[in-house]
Structure formats: C-alpha cells, structure tokens
C-alpha atoms as a PDB file:
ATOM      1  CA  UNK A   1      39.443  19.992 -18.083  1.00  0.00           C
ATOM      2  CA  UNK A   2      40.575  20.862 -14.367  1.00  0.00           C
ATOM      3  CA  UNK A   3      38.794  22.838 -11.520  1.00  0.00           C
ATOM      4  CA  UNK A   4      41.236  25.151 -11.459  1.00  0.00           C
ATOM      5  CA  UNK A   5      41.436  25.889 -15.257  1.00  0.00           C
ATOM      6  CA  UNK A   6      37.694  25.800 -15.780  1.00  0.00           C
ATOM      7  CA  UNK A   7      37.494  28.633 -13.204  1.00  0.00           C
ATOM      8  CA  UNK A   8      39.765  30.355 -15.055  1.00  0.00           C
ATOM      9  CA  UNK A   9      38.466  30.434 -18.489  1.00  0.00           C
ATOM     10  CA  UNK A  10      34.668  29.924 -18.113  1.00  0.00           C
ATOM     11  CA  UNK A  11      34.574  33.816 -16.833  1.00  0.00           C
ATOM     12  CA  UNK A  12      36.223  34.601 -20.243  1.00  0.00           C
ATOM     13  CA  UNK A  13      33.838  32.471 -21.860  1.00  0.00           C
ATOM     14  CA  UNK A  14      30.734  33.788 -20.466  1.00  0.00           C
ATOM     15  CA  UNK A  15      31.861  37.270 -20.853  1.00  0.00           C
ATOM     16  CA  UNK A  16      32.698  36.843 -25.142  1.00  0.00           C
ATOM     17  CA  UNK A  17      29.054  34.969 -24.946  1.00  0.00           C
ATOM     18  CA  UNK A  18      27.308  38.113 -23.375  1.00  0.00           C
ATOM     19  CA  UNK A  19      29.045  40.685 -25.838  1.00  0.00           C
ATOM     20  CA  UNK A  20      27.896  38.518 -28.756  1.00  0.00           C
ATOM     21  CA  UNK A  21      24.422  38.155 -27.476  1.00  0.00           C
ATOM     22  CA  UNK A  22      24.209  42.177 -26.907  1.00  0.00           C
ATOM     23  CA  UNK A  23      25.690  42.527 -30.640  1.00  0.00           C
ATOM     24  CA  UNK A  24      22.667  40.163 -31.967  1.00  0.00           C
ATOM     25  CA  UNK A  25      20.323  41.968 -29.744  1.00  0.00           C
ATOM     26  CA  UNK A  26      21.318  45.693 -30.301  1.00  0.00           C
ATOM     27  CA  UNK A  27      19.063  45.773 -33.592  1.00  0.00           C
ATOM     28  CA  UNK A  28      16.239  43.739 -32.279  1.00  0.00           C
ATOM     29  CA  UNK A  29      15.893  44.857 -28.580  1.00  0.00           C
ATOM     30  CA  UNK A  30      17.113  47.620 -27.045  1.00  0.00           C
ATOM     31  CA  UNK A  31      15.866  46.780 -24.016  1.00  0.00           C
ATOM     32  CA  UNK A  32      16.936  43.266 -23.880  1.00  0.00           C
ATOM     33  CA  UNK A  33      20.409  44.262 -24.971  1.00  0.00           C
ATOM     34  CA  UNK A  34      20.637  46.858 -21.842  1.00  0.00           C
ATOM     35  CA  UNK A  35      19.437  43.846 -19.713  1.00  0.00           C
ATOM     36  CA  UNK A  36      21.859  41.381 -20.932  1.00  0.00           C
ATOM     37  CA  UNK A  37      24.769  44.201 -20.507  1.00  0.00           C
ATOM     38  CA  UNK A  38      23.983  44.629 -17.014  1.00  0.00           C
ATOM     39  CA  UNK A  39      22.828  41.562 -15.605  1.00  0.00           C
ATOM     40  CA  UNK A  40      24.777  40.572 -12.652  1.00  0.00           C
ATOM     41  CA  UNK A  41      27.033  38.084 -14.169  1.00  0.00           C
ATOM     42  CA  UNK A  42      30.296  38.960 -13.041  1.00  0.00           C
ATOM     43  CA  UNK A  43      29.057  38.470  -9.196  1.00  0.00           C
ATOM     44  CA  UNK A  44      28.413  35.066  -9.501  1.00  0.00           C
ATOM     45  CA  UNK A  45      31.512  34.112 -11.123  1.00  0.00           C
ATOM     46  CA  UNK A  46      33.528  35.783  -8.917  1.00  0.00           C
ATOM     47  CA  UNK A  47      31.655  34.347  -6.302  1.00  0.00           C
ATOM     48  CA  UNK A  48      32.565  30.641  -7.657  1.00  0.00           C
ATOM     49  CA  UNK A  49      36.308  31.643  -8.639  1.00  0.00           C
ATOM     50  CA  UNK A  50      36.755  32.951  -5.056  1.00  0.00           C
ATOM     51  CA  UNK A  51      35.254  29.852  -3.765  1.00  0.00           C
ATOM     52  CA  UNK A  52      37.725  27.229  -5.860  1.00  0.00           C
ATOM     53  CA  UNK A  53      40.835  29.178  -3.961  1.00  0.00           C
ATOM     54  CA  UNK A  54      42.305  26.604  -1.606  1.00  0.00           C
ATOM     55  CA  UNK A  55      42.037  29.076   1.410  1.00  0.00           C
ATOM     56  CA  UNK A  56      38.528  29.694   0.695  1.00  0.00           C
ATOM     57  CA  UNK A  57      35.694  28.636   3.661  1.00  0.00           C
ATOM     58  CA  UNK A  58      32.342  29.284   3.555  1.00  0.00           C
ATOM     59  CA  UNK A  59      32.304  31.945   6.169  1.00  0.00           C
ATOM     60  CA  UNK A  60      34.225  34.116   3.288  1.00  0.00           C
ATOM     61  CA  UNK A  61      31.422  34.541   1.129  1.00  0.00           C
ATOM     62  CA  UNK A  62      29.931  37.357   3.817  1.00  0.00           C
ATOM     63  CA  UNK A  63      32.989  39.734   3.460  1.00  0.00           C
ATOM     64  CA  UNK A  64      32.825  39.737  -0.044  1.00  0.00           C
ATOM     65  CA  UNK A  65      29.448  39.964  -0.188  1.00  0.00           C
ATOM     66  CA  UNK A  66      29.392  43.260   1.929  1.00  0.00           C
ATOM     67  CA  UNK A  67      32.055  44.686   0.066  1.00  0.00           C
ATOM     68  CA  UNK A  68      30.398  44.288  -3.127  1.00  0.00           C
ATOM     69  CA  UNK A  69      27.465  46.179  -1.734  1.00  0.00           C
ATOM     70  CA  UNK A  70      29.807  49.020  -1.109  1.00  0.00           C
ATOM     71  CA  UNK A  71      31.530  48.297  -4.463  1.00  0.00           C
ATOM     72  CA  UNK A  72      28.556  48.868  -6.395  1.00  0.00           C
ATOM     73  CA  UNK A  73      27.678  52.623  -5.717  1.00  0.00           C
ATOM     74  CA  UNK A  74      30.741  53.578  -8.050  1.00  0.00           C
ATOM     75  CA  UNK A  75      29.378  51.411 -10.778  1.00  0.00           C
ATOM     76  CA  UNK A  76      25.923  53.013  -9.961  1.00  0.00           C
ATOM     77  CA  UNK A  77      27.475  56.450 -10.558  1.00  0.00           C
ATOM     78  CA  UNK A  78      29.391  55.324 -13.712  1.00  0.00           C
ATOM     79  CA  UNK A  79      25.972  54.738 -15.190  1.00  0.00           C
ATOM     80  CA  UNK A  80      24.432  57.578 -14.209  1.00  0.00           C
ATOM     81  CA  UNK A  81      27.212  59.894 -15.595  1.00  0.00           C
ATOM     82  CA  UNK A  82      26.427  57.585 -18.556  1.00  0.00           C
ATOM     83  CA  UNK A  83      22.839  58.809 -18.731  1.00  0.00           C
ATOM     84  CA  UNK A  84      23.165  62.178 -18.237  1.00  0.00           C
ATOM     85  CA  UNK A  85      25.999  62.568 -20.766  1.00  0.00           C
ATOM     86  CA  UNK A  86      24.287  61.050 -23.362  1.00  0.00           C
ATOM     87  CA  UNK A  87      21.082  62.781 -22.439  1.00  0.00           C
ATOM     88  CA  UNK A  88      23.509  65.973 -22.922  1.00  0.00           C
ATOM     89  CA  UNK A  89      24.471  64.818 -26.329  1.00  0.00           C
ATOM     90  CA  UNK A  90      28.004  63.693 -25.653  1.00  0.00           C
ATOM     91  CA  UNK A  91      29.518  61.308 -28.307  1.00  0.00           C
ATOM     92  CA  UNK A  92      30.828  58.114 -26.863  1.00  0.00           C
ATOM     93  CA  UNK A  93      34.407  58.243 -26.335  1.00  0.00           C
ATOM     94  CA  UNK A  94      33.452  61.722 -24.111  1.00  0.00           C
ATOM     95  CA  UNK A  95      30.802  59.753 -22.107  1.00  0.00           C
ATOM     96  CA  UNK A  96      33.103  56.793 -21.329  1.00  0.00           C
ATOM     97  CA  UNK A  97      36.276  58.652 -20.070  1.00  0.00           C
ATOM     98  CA  UNK A  98      33.563  61.425 -17.605  1.00  0.00           C
ATOM     99  CA  UNK A  99      31.863  58.012 -16.575  1.00  0.00           C
ATOM    100  CA  UNK A 100      35.059  56.480 -15.671  1.00  0.00           C
ATOM    101  CA  UNK A 101      36.368  59.409 -13.908  1.00  0.00           C
ATOM    102  CA  UNK A 102      33.259  59.339 -11.809  1.00  0.00           C
ATOM    103  CA  UNK A 103      33.631  55.826 -11.336  1.00  0.00           C
ATOM    104  CA  UNK A 104      37.300  56.543 -10.259  1.00  0.00           C
ATOM    105  CA  UNK A 105      36.655  59.515  -7.909  1.00  0.00           C
ATOM    106  CA  UNK A 106      33.997  57.899  -5.922  1.00  0.00           C
ATOM    107  CA  UNK A 107      35.938  54.380  -5.712  1.00  0.00           C
ATOM    108  CA  UNK A 108      38.946  56.734  -4.439  1.00  0.00           C
ATOM    109  CA  UNK A 109      36.570  58.437  -2.091  1.00  0.00           C
ATOM    110  CA  UNK A 110      35.444  54.903  -0.731  1.00  0.00           C
ATOM    111  CA  UNK A 111      38.875  54.401   0.207  1.00  0.00           C
ATOM    112  CA  UNK A 112      39.440  57.276   2.089  1.00  0.00           C
ATOM    113  CA  UNK A 113      36.071  57.365   3.873  1.00  0.00           C
ATOM    114  CA  UNK A 114      37.103  54.229   4.540  1.00  0.00           C
ATOM    115  CA  UNK A 115      34.228  51.917   3.213  1.00  0.00           C
ATOM    116  CA  UNK A 116      36.604  49.365   1.866  1.00  0.00           C
ATOM    117  CA  UNK A 117      38.432  46.584   4.004  1.00  0.00           C
ATOM    118  CA  UNK A 118      41.949  46.471   3.205  1.00  0.00           C
END
C-alpha cells in the first residue's frame, strides 16, 4: 500500500477502531469509554496526513499547531454545552443540536474576530 493511500485509509481505520472500543467499553467502564472518546487521535492523524503532502515542510507544523490551539476552543464549548444540557435532562438529539449550534457560533465568532488564519 502506498504512503498516500495509507495516509487516506489509516484515519478511517483508527476512527472505526475507536468507535468499536467505545462500544465495547461502555458497559465495563464509562470512564475508560470517555477517555477513549476524547483522546487526541485526530490531531496526530491530521498532522501525519498534512506532513505527507508534497509541499509540506517541517516549519509548516508551527502555524498548524497554533491554529489547533485556537480551534480547540469551540470544541471545548461543545463539551461544556453537552454537559449542561445533559445535566438539565435533555435527550441526546437536542443535546447534540445545542452543542453543535454553540460550537458553530464560537467558530464563526473566531473567524469574525480574526483568530483563524485564512
């Protein structure tokens, strides 16, 4: 399998394995399921996919990781909204809708305020 093909397929395989892991762990340990669900797997996979591009250089990691620091903020809001809506007794679909709405608003606000490089 070529490096390019592996770079495209591996993130999908790892994501599937994580979902399977969460499904297996959900009855044994909700803590381990939560840890597995939130582990930083997409970050190294994304960096690997980016770094295998033809025009990517070592010094390109700095701006990408700087943007990751900013981009994590809307995701944090997503989880905070999930927590408060779950605590309020909301069902899953409204929890997710509210969380994605909050995530999108914070993301758009970040673009509007110029926190994200274009």
